Amino acid sequence: MDDRRPRLPSVRRPAPSAPDSRPEAAPAEHGPTTAADAEDAAAGASRPAAEPSPEELRSRIHVVETAGPHAGGVTEAQAPAGEPGGWKVERASRWSGRIRRFWRFTEGGSAHTNFWLVLGSTLALTAIGLTMVLSSSSVDAFGNSGSSFTLFIRQGMWAGVGLIGMFLISRLPDRALGLFGWVLMIFSGLLLALVVFTPLGHEVNGSKNWLRLGPVQGQPSELAKLALVLWGAAVLTRKGRLVRQFVHCVMPLVLPGALSILVLVLLGGDLGTSLIILLMVGTLLFTVGVSWRYFAVTAVSAVVAVLLLAWTSSNRLFRIQAWLGMNCDHASDPCHQSQQGIYALATGGFWGVGLGQSRQKWHYIPEVENDFILTILGEELGLLGTLVVLLLFGALILGIFRVATNTTDRFARLACMGIAAWLVGQASINIGMVTGLLPVIGVPLPFISYGGSALTCALLAVGVVLNFAHRRRREDRDRGHARPEETRTGESRTSSRVTRSRVPEHSPERSRRPAGQNRKKAVSP
């Protein structure tokens, strides 16, 4: 017999029954058992069982190979060693079920729930951000202007502008968002050129990425993020299936669109914003279905470019060395900001020292209301407050992802995924920088850090997502209003058919009409 033949499950013989269930002895009237009968019975007991037929063997092999843990086949206790259907298959089945339930929860939710999930988390993050800006900037603002509410009032004004813009964008028509992306792309490119090539550009901490027009000061690169998302989504949607070709996926999104914005941002010295732009463009191309080999080449090129940019800039190289602890004994003390931030997080503990009671904001952490505002939040509100902020970010991203997966509009899906990559990437870089996982790059925390242009553009981006979510709500509401009328029409048709069917077949009413006319009337409403 071939050793490679699959093993068959052993057929267990029935166990001997209880003494009381054994067959009764033969009646006495049949006479005693003869010696020949006893010999025949002994020979039958010692004779081996009949060899199973080939059809039975094939059926047993099929049962062993196809039976699962929940299909009534071979279980863990019954399956021989090395056969399928054991504990490994059962564990894989459990994990696959959990993954399916998690994916169903991630992609599920009604249009009404997703709308309020995005809006509610955004408003909560904005309120927490305004509170923390007031708390963290009160000491420096009072020392500079004599009022602790100076920066808070400015941030509140920018938040009001952003909320109004968010409401207006959420009510724009469908085709207006694509046109709005083209306008923003041209406008943001002109503003970035003014920052780099004119005296209107203002340098802060080694990066020339601020534009100052009289009393108004902002970062055009934040507006360029929103423009790149809307414009890129519109371009890729218009191309359709042509984006699977290399030339069409590169032009004009990467060349000259994203590359021109990236070059202007890098000329200003803002490496953090350039990383977020790369992440956004990569997310758009991934969502549209670009081949993996293009991503591999682009990722290697991006890593090499970032290393070259860090090596050729003394300011960036100095920050990386401080992150690695190589120059903490320098006269400028480059490790002071990150170390004091860690002290603030450690002081807060689980419950925090109380809102407004931070000690590290008393000139221990430079620019504490900007990039390192999470340290003051962790010190005053503790780990509990930090986890609440992280959960709100998670709820916002979950709502955006649900809006993207529950729509059939390609432009809406691309724009939502680009905005999600923007917010997630920026928050991840800021949190990693504050906790010491990344070097100090200078990226604000969305909705929390002080910065009017960053807050306003983030709220406008959420307004774009709310536009798609509101459109889906309107479609569901229209379908809900149309459904009762269809139900009533269907009920009337059914009742009319039932009424006509109750008329006897040989009644006078049916006999007056021809047979064809009766059948036609019975079918028509």
Protein backbone atom coordinates (compact mmCIF):
# COMPACT_ATOMS: atom_id res chain seq x y z
CA MET A 1 0.00 0.00 0.00
CA ASP A 2 1.36 3.46 -0.87
CA ASP A 3 2.64 5.40 2.17
CA ARG A 4 1.65 8.71 0.61
CA ARG A 5 -2.00 7.77 0.70
CA PRO A 6 -3.94 10.05 3.10
CA ARG A 7 -4.80 8.53 6.42
CA LEU A 8 -8.43 7.75 7.01
CA PRO A 9 -10.29 8.33 10.22
CA SER A 10 -10.66 5.11 12.12
CA VAL A 11 -14.13 3.63 12.22
CA ARG A 12 -14.92 2.91 15.82
CA ARG A 13 -16.90 -0.22 16.50
CA PRO A 14 -19.89 0.21 18.76
CA ALA A 15 -19.14 -0.41 22.41
CA PRO A 16 -20.78 -3.40 24.05
CA SER A 17 -24.17 -2.54 25.35
CA ALA A 18 -25.23 -2.76 28.94
CA PRO A 19 -26.16 -6.12 30.38
CA ASP A 20 -29.81 -5.21 30.57
CA SER A 21 -29.90 -4.23 26.87
CA ARG A 22 -28.42 -7.45 25.49
CA PRO A 23 -30.66 -9.59 23.31
CA GLU A 24 -32.53 -12.16 25.25
CA ALA A 25 -31.61 -15.81 24.92
CA ALA A 26 -33.46 -17.97 22.52
CA PRO A 27 -36.69 -19.42 23.83
CA ALA A 28 -36.57 -22.85 25.36
CA GLU A 29 -38.98 -24.31 22.83
CA HIS A 30 -36.40 -23.96 20.04
CA GLY A 31 -34.17 -26.40 21.73
CA PRO A 32 -30.60 -26.14 22.98
CA THR A 33 -27.81 -24.70 20.86
CA THR A 34 -25.86 -27.35 18.93
CA ALA A 35 -22.04 -27.56 18.74
CA ALA A 36 -22.05 -26.62 15.03
CA ASP A 37 -23.89 -23.41 15.74
CA ALA A 38 -21.40 -22.50 18.44
CA GLU A 39 -18.45 -23.08 16.06
CA ASP A 40 -20.09 -20.89 13.36
CA ALA A 41 -20.64 -18.09 15.87
CA ALA A 42 -17.01 -18.20 17.03
CA ALA A 43 -15.74 -18.13 13.44
CA GLY A 44 -17.90 -15.10 12.62
CA ALA A 45 -16.60 -13.19 15.65
CA SER A 46 -12.97 -13.83 14.68
CA ARG A 47 -13.45 -13.04 10.95
CA PRO A 48 -12.13 -9.51 10.03
CA ALA A 49 -14.55 -6.81 8.95
CA ALA A 50 -15.32 -6.43 5.27
CA GLU A 51 -12.98 -4.15 3.27
CA PRO A 52 -14.73 -0.81 2.48
CA SER A 53 -15.53 -0.14 -1.14
CA PRO A 54 -13.58 2.48 -3.20
CA GLU A 55 -16.61 4.80 -3.19
CA GLU A 56 -16.71 4.69 0.60
CA LEU A 57 -12.97 5.43 0.81
CA ARG A 58 -13.30 8.45 -1.47
CA SER A 59 -16.23 9.77 0.55
CA ARG A 60 -14.24 9.46 3.78
CA ILE A 61 -11.25 11.32 2.27
CA HIS A 62 -13.55 14.10 1.05
CA VAL A 63 -15.12 14.48 4.51
CA VAL A 64 -11.71 14.71 6.20
CA GLU A 65 -10.39 17.29 3.71
CA THR A 66 -13.41 19.59 3.62
CA ALA A 67 -14.82 19.39 7.13
CA GLY A 68 -14.36 22.56 9.20
CA PRO A 69 -14.62 23.18 12.93
CA HIS A 70 -18.25 24.33 12.64
CA ALA A 71 -19.42 22.19 9.73
CA GLY A 72 -20.17 19.05 11.69
CA GLY A 73 -17.03 17.32 10.35
CA VAL A 74 -13.88 16.30 12.12
CA THR A 75 -13.38 18.12 15.39
CA GLU A 76 -10.24 18.67 17.40
CA ALA A 77 -10.83 15.59 19.53
CA GLN A 78 -11.76 13.34 16.59
CA ALA A 79 -9.21 14.51 13.97
CA PRO A 80 -5.99 12.49 13.84
CA ALA A 81 -2.65 14.22 14.14
CA GLY A 82 -1.76 16.19 11.00
CA GLU A 83 -5.31 16.23 9.57
CA PRO A 84 -7.16 19.49 8.79
CA GLY A 85 -10.02 20.57 11.00
CA GLY A 86 -7.98 20.72 14.22
CA TRP A 87 -7.31 23.56 16.66
CA LYS A 88 -5.32 25.57 14.10
CA VAL A 89 -8.26 25.74 11.72
CA GLU A 90 -10.59 26.62 14.57
CA ARG A 91 -8.31 29.42 15.78
CA ALA A 92 -7.97 30.81 12.25
CA SER A 93 -11.75 30.76 11.93
CA ARG A 94 -12.17 32.71 15.15
CA TRP A 95 -9.62 35.33 14.09
CA SER A 96 -11.20 35.71 10.66
CA GLY A 97 -14.58 36.22 12.32
CA ARG A 98 -13.17 38.93 14.58
CA ILE A 99 -11.52 40.69 11.65
CA ARG A 100 -14.78 40.59 9.68
CA ARG A 101 -16.72 42.05 12.61
CA PHE A 102 -14.13 44.83 13.11
CA TRP A 103 -14.14 45.67 9.39
CA ARG A 104 -17.93 45.69 9.38
CA PHE A 105 -17.92 48.13 12.29
CA THR A 106 -15.27 50.32 10.60
CA GLU A 107 -17.15 50.56 7.32
CA GLY A 108 -20.66 50.58 8.77
CA GLY A 109 -22.80 53.28 10.33
CA SER A 110 -25.69 55.23 8.89
CA ALA A 111 -25.23 58.53 7.08
CA HIS A 112 -26.78 60.41 10.01
CA THR A 113 -24.41 58.77 12.53
CA ASN A 114 -21.32 59.39 10.42
CA PHE A 115 -22.24 63.05 9.92
CA TRP A 116 -22.53 63.72 13.64
CA LEU A 117 -19.47 61.61 14.40
CA VAL A 118 -17.32 63.88 12.23
CA LEU A 119 -18.98 67.11 13.34
CA GLY A 120 -19.09 66.26 17.05
CA SER A 121 -15.46 65.18 17.32
CA THR A 122 -14.31 68.26 15.38
CA LEU A 123 -16.21 70.65 17.63
CA ALA A 124 -14.94 68.87 20.75
CA LEU A 125 -11.31 69.02 19.58
CA THR A 126 -11.68 72.71 18.70
CA ALA A 127 -13.13 73.50 22.14
CA ILE A 128 -10.32 71.61 23.90
CA GLY A 129 -7.77 73.39 21.72
CA LEU A 130 -9.09 76.85 22.59
CA THR A 131 -9.07 75.95 26.29
CA MET A 132 -5.49 74.71 26.18
CA VAL A 133 -4.32 77.72 24.17
CA LEU A 134 -5.72 79.98 26.90
CA SER A 135 -4.09 77.93 29.63
CA SER A 136 -0.68 77.46 28.01
CA SER A 137 -0.26 81.02 26.64
CA SER A 138 -1.58 82.97 29.60
CA VAL A 139 1.83 83.50 31.22
CA ASP A 140 3.71 84.59 28.07
CA ALA A 141 0.78 86.69 26.83
CA PHE A 142 0.54 88.56 30.12
CA GLY A 143 4.28 89.24 30.10
CA ASN A 144 4.25 90.53 26.51
CA SER A 145 0.97 92.46 26.27
CA GLY A 146 -0.33 92.78 29.83
CA SER A 147 -3.34 90.53 29.14
CA SER A 148 -3.57 86.76 29.47
CA PHE A 149 -6.27 86.57 26.77
CA THR A 150 -4.35 88.04 23.81
CA LEU A 151 -3.48 84.81 21.99
CA PHE A 152 -6.74 83.21 23.04
CA ILE A 153 -8.77 85.99 21.39
CA ARG A 154 -6.78 85.68 18.16
CA GLN A 155 -7.24 81.93 18.10
CA GLY A 156 -10.95 82.35 18.82
CA MET A 157 -11.32 84.72 15.87
CA TRP A 158 -9.59 82.29 13.53
CA ALA A 159 -11.77 79.48 14.90
CA GLY A 160 -14.89 81.54 14.16
CA VAL A 161 -13.74 82.14 10.59
CA GLY A 162 -12.98 78.44 10.20
CA LEU A 163 -16.38 77.35 11.55
CA ILE A 164 -18.20 79.72 9.21
CA GLY A 165 -16.13 78.46 6.27
CA MET A 166 -16.79 74.87 7.32
CA PHE A 167 -20.54 75.48 7.26
CA LEU A 168 -20.40 77.21 3.86
CA ILE A 169 -18.28 74.48 2.26
CA SER A 170 -20.57 71.78 3.63
CA ARG A 171 -23.45 73.35 1.63
CA LEU A 172 -21.66 73.87 -1.68
CA PRO A 173 -22.97 72.05 -4.78
CA ASP A 174 -21.23 68.89 -5.92
CA ARG A 175 -19.39 70.37 -8.91
CA ALA A 176 -18.27 73.48 -7.03
CA LEU A 177 -15.73 71.58 -4.89
CA GLY A 178 -13.64 70.54 -7.89
CA LEU A 179 -13.61 74.10 -9.23
CA PHE A 180 -12.80 75.35 -5.74
CA GLY A 181 -9.76 73.04 -5.73
CA TRP A 182 -8.43 74.56 -8.97
CA VAL A 183 -8.82 78.09 -7.61
CA LEU A 184 -7.13 77.21 -4.31
CA MET A 185 -4.25 75.51 -6.12
CA ILE A 186 -3.42 78.64 -8.11
CA PHE A 187 -3.96 80.98 -5.17
CA SER A 188 -1.85 78.96 -2.70
CA GLY A 189 0.97 78.67 -5.26
CA LEU A 190 1.06 82.45 -5.63
CA LEU A 191 1.12 82.92 -1.83
CA LEU A 192 3.99 80.44 -1.46
CA ALA A 193 5.93 82.28 -4.16
CA LEU A 194 5.42 85.53 -2.22
CA VAL A 195 6.82 83.87 0.91
CA VAL A 196 9.95 82.57 -0.83
CA PHE A 197 10.80 85.31 -3.32
CA THR A 198 9.57 88.55 -1.71
CA PRO A 199 10.29 90.40 1.56
CA LEU A 200 6.76 89.55 2.69
CA GLY A 201 8.05 86.16 3.85
CA HIS A 202 8.73 85.97 7.58
CA GLU A 203 11.23 83.56 9.14
CA VAL A 204 10.49 81.82 12.46
CA ASN A 205 12.91 79.37 14.10
CA GLY A 206 14.93 78.81 10.95
CA SER A 207 11.93 78.26 8.62
CA LYS A 208 10.67 80.91 6.24
CA ASN A 209 7.11 79.74 5.83
CA TRP A 210 5.10 82.67 7.19
CA LEU A 211 3.45 85.40 5.12
CA ARG A 212 2.88 88.73 6.83
CA LEU A 213 0.40 91.20 5.29
CA GLY A 214 0.05 94.06 7.76
CA PRO A 215 -1.47 92.76 11.00
CA VAL A 216 -2.41 89.42 9.41
CA GLN A 217 0.11 86.60 9.47
CA GLY A 218 -0.35 83.03 8.32
CA GLN A 219 1.15 79.97 6.63
CA PRO A 220 0.22 79.53 2.96
CA SER A 221 1.45 75.94 3.15
CA GLU A 222 -1.64 75.03 5.23
CA LEU A 223 -3.89 76.32 2.47
CA ALA A 224 -1.78 74.42 -0.08
CA LYS A 225 -2.63 71.13 1.69
CA LEU A 226 -6.35 71.67 1.21
CA ALA A 227 -5.82 72.83 -2.37
CA LEU A 228 -3.70 69.79 -3.20
CA VAL A 229 -6.34 67.38 -1.82
CA LEU A 230 -9.27 68.91 -3.74
CA TRP A 231 -7.34 69.52 -6.95
CA GLY A 232 -5.69 66.08 -6.90
CA ALA A 233 -9.03 64.33 -6.29
CA ALA A 234 -10.61 66.25 -9.17
CA VAL A 235 -7.74 65.41 -11.56
CA LEU A 236 -7.68 61.71 -10.71
CA THR A 237 -11.46 61.46 -10.95
CA ARG A 238 -11.45 63.00 -14.40
CA LYS A 239 -8.76 60.60 -15.65
CA GLY A 240 -10.75 57.52 -14.71
CA ARG A 241 -9.03 54.23 -15.53
CA LEU A 242 -6.13 55.96 -17.25
CA VAL A 243 -4.48 56.50 -13.84
CA ARG A 244 -3.29 52.88 -13.93
CA GLN A 245 -0.81 53.96 -16.59
CA PHE A 246 2.42 55.45 -15.32
CA VAL A 247 2.27 58.64 -17.39
CA HIS A 248 -1.29 59.49 -16.35
CA CYS A 249 -0.73 58.83 -12.64
CA VAL A 250 2.31 61.12 -12.64
CA MET A 251 1.05 63.99 -14.79
CA PRO A 252 -0.22 66.45 -13.79
CA LEU A 253 -0.72 65.41 -10.13
CA VAL A 254 2.92 64.75 -9.30
CA LEU A 255 4.49 66.70 -12.15
CA PRO A 256 4.09 69.66 -12.05
CA GLY A 257 1.35 69.97 -9.38
CA ALA A 258 2.61 68.42 -6.15
CA LEU A 259 6.28 68.87 -7.03
CA SER A 260 5.91 72.65 -7.50
CA ILE A 261 4.20 73.00 -4.13
CA LEU A 262 6.80 70.75 -2.51
CA VAL A 263 9.72 72.74 -3.92
CA LEU A 264 8.27 76.04 -2.70
CA VAL A 265 7.71 74.59 0.78
CA LEU A 266 11.24 73.18 0.93
CA LEU A 267 12.74 76.48 -0.21
CA GLY A 268 11.12 77.97 2.87
CA GLY A 269 12.80 75.34 5.05
CA ASP A 270 9.66 73.52 6.23
CA LEU A 271 10.53 69.81 6.19
CA GLY A 272 7.56 68.74 8.34
CA THR A 273 4.96 70.13 5.92
CA SER A 274 6.79 68.55 2.97
CA LEU A 275 6.52 65.12 4.64
CA ILE A 276 2.77 65.57 5.07
CA ILE A 277 2.41 66.59 1.42
CA LEU A 278 4.23 63.44 0.34
CA LEU A 279 1.92 61.37 2.54
CA MET A 280 -1.18 63.00 1.09
CA VAL A 281 -0.10 62.48 -2.52
CA GLY A 282 0.85 58.86 -1.79
CA THR A 283 -2.56 58.24 -0.21
CA LEU A 284 -4.37 59.66 -3.23
CA LEU A 285 -2.40 57.45 -5.60
CA PHE A 286 -2.88 54.38 -3.38
CA THR A 287 -6.64 54.96 -3.16
CA VAL A 288 -6.95 55.27 -6.92
CA GLY A 289 -5.15 51.92 -7.42
CA VAL A 290 -1.61 52.71 -8.56
CA SER A 291 0.72 49.71 -8.78
CA TRP A 292 2.86 48.78 -5.79
CA ARG A 293 6.15 48.95 -7.69
CA TYR A 294 5.71 52.68 -8.22
CA PHE A 295 5.25 53.13 -4.47
CA ALA A 296 8.41 51.17 -3.74
CA VAL A 297 10.50 53.33 -6.05
CA THR A 298 8.90 56.52 -4.70
CA ALA A 299 9.42 55.49 -1.07
CA VAL A 300 13.12 54.79 -1.62
CA SER A 301 13.54 58.10 -3.45
CA ALA A 302 11.71 60.00 -0.69
CA VAL A 303 13.89 58.47 2.05
CA VAL A 304 17.05 59.38 0.17
CA ALA A 305 15.79 62.92 -0.44
CA VAL A 306 14.87 63.44 3.23
CA LEU A 307 18.29 62.23 4.36
CA LEU A 308 20.01 64.58 1.91
CA LEU A 309 17.88 67.52 3.02
CA ALA A 310 18.63 66.78 6.67
CA TRP A 311 22.34 66.41 6.00
CA THR A 312 22.67 69.61 3.96
CA SER A 313 20.85 71.81 6.51
CA SER A 314 22.75 72.68 9.69
CA ASN A 315 19.53 73.47 11.57
CA ARG A 316 17.91 70.12 10.74
CA LEU A 317 21.10 68.19 11.42
CA PHE A 318 21.41 69.94 14.77
CA ARG A 319 17.89 68.85 15.72
CA ILE A 320 18.52 65.25 14.70
CA GLN A 321 21.70 65.16 16.78
CA ALA A 322 19.77 66.55 19.74
CA TRP A 323 17.13 63.85 19.30
CA LEU A 324 19.90 61.23 19.42
CA GLY A 325 21.44 62.93 22.50
CA MET A 326 24.72 63.71 20.77
CA ASN A 327 24.97 67.48 21.46
CA CYS A 328 22.93 68.06 24.61
CA ASP A 329 25.97 69.74 26.24
CA HIS A 330 26.00 72.47 23.56
CA ALA A 331 25.81 76.08 24.71
CA SER A 332 22.37 76.54 23.08
CA ASP A 333 21.05 73.49 24.99
CA PRO A 334 19.11 71.93 22.07
CA CYS A 335 17.70 69.13 24.27
CA HIS A 336 16.05 71.54 26.72
CA GLN A 337 12.65 71.76 25.01
CA SER A 338 12.13 68.02 24.58
CA GLN A 339 13.39 67.22 28.08
CA GLN A 340 11.07 69.74 29.71
CA GLY A 341 8.19 68.34 27.67
CA ILE A 342 8.87 64.85 29.04
CA TYR A 343 9.00 66.31 32.57
CA ALA A 344 5.60 67.92 32.03
CA LEU A 345 4.04 64.65 30.86
CA ALA A 346 5.57 62.78 33.81
CA THR A 347 4.32 65.38 36.31
CA GLY A 348 0.72 65.09 35.14
CA GLY A 349 0.33 61.42 36.07
CA PHE A 350 -3.10 59.94 35.44
CA TRP A 351 -5.41 62.73 36.67
CA GLY A 352 -3.16 65.76 36.06
CA VAL A 353 -2.33 68.68 38.30
CA GLY A 354 -5.48 70.58 37.32
CA LEU A 355 -6.53 72.90 34.52
CA GLY A 356 -4.41 76.06 34.56
CA GLN A 357 -2.04 74.69 37.22
CA SER A 358 0.88 73.78 34.97
CA ARG A 359 4.35 74.68 36.23
CA GLN A 360 6.27 73.94 33.01
CA LYS A 361 4.51 76.77 31.13
CA TRP A 362 6.34 79.33 33.29
CA HIS A 363 9.08 79.86 30.67
CA TYR A 364 10.43 76.32 30.97
CA ILE A 365 9.20 75.19 27.53
CA PRO A 366 9.76 77.64 24.64
CA GLU A 367 6.73 78.27 22.38
CA VAL A 368 4.65 76.00 24.56
CA GLU A 369 1.33 77.00 22.96
CA ASN A 370 2.46 75.85 19.50
CA ASP A 371 4.09 72.50 18.80
CA PHE A 372 4.47 71.35 22.43
CA ILE A 373 0.97 72.14 23.63
CA LEU A 374 0.30 68.43 24.18
CA THR A 375 2.82 68.46 27.04
CA ILE A 376 0.78 71.09 28.92
CA LEU A 377 -2.40 69.15 28.19
CA GLY A 378 -0.80 66.01 29.63
CA GLU A 379 0.46 67.90 32.68
CA GLU A 380 -2.82 69.63 33.54
CA LEU A 381 -5.33 66.96 32.45
CA GLY A 382 -3.11 63.93 32.92
CA LEU A 383 -3.15 60.69 31.01
CA LEU A 384 -6.94 60.67 31.11
CA GLY A 385 -7.20 63.97 29.22
CA THR A 386 -4.58 62.85 26.71
CA LEU A 387 -6.48 59.64 26.03
CA VAL A 388 -9.70 61.62 25.52
CA VAL A 389 -7.97 63.72 22.85
CA LEU A 390 -6.62 60.59 21.16
CA LEU A 391 -10.07 58.97 21.20
CA LEU A 392 -11.57 62.10 19.64
CA PHE A 393 -8.99 61.95 16.87
CA GLY A 394 -9.82 58.28 16.41
CA ALA A 395 -13.55 59.05 16.20
CA LEU A 396 -12.89 61.80 13.63
CA ILE A 397 -10.81 59.53 11.42
CA LEU A 398 -13.35 56.72 11.79
CA GLY A 399 -16.14 59.05 10.67
CA ILE A 400 -14.12 60.26 7.67
CA PHE A 401 -13.29 56.69 6.66
CA ARG A 402 -16.95 55.68 6.91
CA VAL A 403 -17.99 58.60 4.72
CA ALA A 404 -15.37 57.53 2.16
CA THR A 405 -16.43 53.86 2.11
CA ASN A 406 -20.19 54.51 2.04
CA THR A 407 -20.14 56.66 -1.08
CA THR A 408 -20.00 55.70 -4.74
CA ASP A 409 -18.59 59.07 -5.82
CA ARG A 410 -14.92 58.67 -6.71
CA PHE A 411 -14.13 62.32 -6.06
CA ALA A 412 -15.64 62.13 -2.57
CA ARG A 413 -13.71 58.97 -1.72
CA LEU A 414 -10.38 60.42 -2.87
CA ALA A 415 -10.90 63.74 -1.07
CA CYS A 416 -11.88 62.02 2.19
CA MET A 417 -8.88 59.71 2.13
CA GLY A 418 -6.52 62.60 1.40
CA ILE A 419 -7.92 64.65 4.28
CA ALA A 420 -7.69 61.64 6.62
CA ALA A 421 -4.02 61.16 5.66
CA TRP A 422 -3.40 64.87 6.28
CA LEU A 423 -4.89 64.91 9.79
CA VAL A 424 -3.55 61.50 10.85
CA GLY A 425 -0.05 62.19 9.53
CA GLN A 426 0.20 65.61 11.14
CA ALA A 427 -1.12 64.38 14.51
CA SER A 428 1.19 61.35 14.46
CA ILE A 429 4.28 63.44 13.73
CA ASN A 430 3.43 65.94 16.48
CA ILE A 431 2.72 63.25 19.09
CA GLY A 432 5.88 61.35 18.14
CA MET A 433 7.91 64.56 18.38
CA VAL A 434 6.52 65.44 21.83
CA THR A 435 7.04 61.96 23.26
CA GLY A 436 10.60 61.69 21.93
CA LEU A 437 9.94 59.11 19.22
CA LEU A 438 10.81 61.61 16.47
CA PRO A 439 13.11 64.64 16.31
CA VAL A 440 11.68 68.11 16.73
CA ILE A 441 10.33 68.93 13.28
CA GLY A 442 7.90 71.77 13.97
CA VAL A 443 4.49 70.37 13.05
CA PRO A 444 1.44 71.63 15.00
CA LEU A 445 -1.22 69.35 16.48
CA PRO A 446 -4.43 69.78 14.45
CA PHE A 447 -7.25 71.68 16.21
CA ILE A 448 -5.18 71.95 19.44
CA SER A 449 -2.02 73.96 18.77
CA TYR A 450 -2.01 77.73 18.46
CA GLY A 451 -2.02 78.88 14.85
CA GLY A 452 -4.88 80.56 13.08
CA SER A 453 -4.15 79.42 9.53
CA ALA A 454 -3.63 75.79 10.58
CA LEU A 455 -6.89 75.72 12.55
CA THR A 456 -8.91 77.43 9.83
CA CYS A 457 -7.65 75.17 7.03
CA ALA A 458 -8.27 72.06 9.14
CA LEU A 459 -11.87 73.18 9.75
CA LEU A 460 -12.32 73.85 6.03
CA ALA A 461 -11.08 70.34 5.29
CA VAL A 462 -13.64 68.91 7.71
CA GLY A 463 -16.27 71.01 5.93
CA VAL A 464 -15.44 69.16 2.71
CA VAL A 465 -16.07 65.82 4.45
CA LEU A 466 -19.33 67.16 5.93
CA ASN A 467 -20.42 68.12 2.41
CA PHE A 468 -20.21 64.49 1.31
CA ALA A 469 -21.82 63.24 4.52
CA HIS A 470 -24.68 65.75 4.21
CA ARG A 471 -25.25 64.72 0.60
CA ARG A 472 -25.55 61.09 1.70
CA ARG A 473 -28.01 62.08 4.43
CA ARG A 474 -30.12 63.93 1.87
CA GLU A 475 -30.16 60.91 -0.44
CA ASP A 476 -31.24 58.60 2.39
CA ARG A 477 -33.96 61.03 3.42
CA ASP A 478 -35.29 61.24 -0.14
CA ARG A 479 -35.38 57.46 -0.40
CA GLY A 480 -37.17 57.30 2.95
CA HIS A 481 -39.88 59.71 1.76
CA ALA A 482 -40.38 57.78 -1.48
CA ARG A 483 -40.62 54.37 0.20
CA PRO A 484 -44.06 54.83 1.93
CA GLU A 485 -45.71 55.86 -1.38
CA GLU A 486 -44.28 52.78 -3.09
CA THR A 487 -45.56 50.64 -0.21
CA ARG A 488 -49.07 52.09 -0.45
CA THR A 489 -49.10 51.60 -4.24
CA GLY A 490 -48.00 48.02 -3.87
CA GLU A 491 -50.66 47.37 -1.22
CA SER A 492 -53.42 48.80 -3.46
CA ARG A 493 -52.26 46.63 -6.37
CA THR A 494 -52.24 43.55 -4.17
CA SER A 495 -55.70 44.26 -2.75
CA SER A 496 -57.15 44.81 -6.25
CA ARG A 497 -55.68 41.50 -7.43
CA VAL A 498 -57.05 39.73 -4.36
CA THR A 499 -60.52 41.27 -4.89
CA ARG A 500 -60.63 40.19 -8.52
CA SER A 501 -59.42 36.71 -7.65
CA ARG A 502 -62.36 36.25 -5.29
CA VAL A 503 -64.85 36.48 -8.17
CA PRO A 504 -65.92 32.93 -9.09
CA GLU A 505 -64.61 31.61 -12.36
CA HIS A 506 -68.09 30.90 -13.80
CA SER A 507 -69.82 34.03 -12.41
CA PRO A 508 -71.99 36.20 -14.71
CA GLU A 509 -69.43 39.04 -14.51
CA ARG A 510 -66.69 36.85 -15.99
CA SER A 511 -69.01 35.24 -18.52
CA ARG A 512 -69.93 38.63 -20.03
CA ARG A 513 -66.28 39.36 -20.96
CA PRO A 514 -64.12 37.44 -23.40
CA ALA A 515 -61.48 35.18 -21.85
CA GLY A 516 -58.58 37.33 -23.11
CA GLN A 517 -60.11 40.46 -21.59
CA ASN A 518 -60.56 38.73 -18.23
CA ARG A 519 -56.89 37.71 -18.15
CA LYS A 520 -55.79 41.22 -19.10
CA LYS A 521 -57.84 42.82 -16.37
CA ALA A 522 -56.53 40.38 -13.79
CA VAL A 523 -52.92 41.32 -14.52
CA SER A 524 -53.24 45.08 -14.93
CA PRO A 525 -53.51 47.27 -11.79
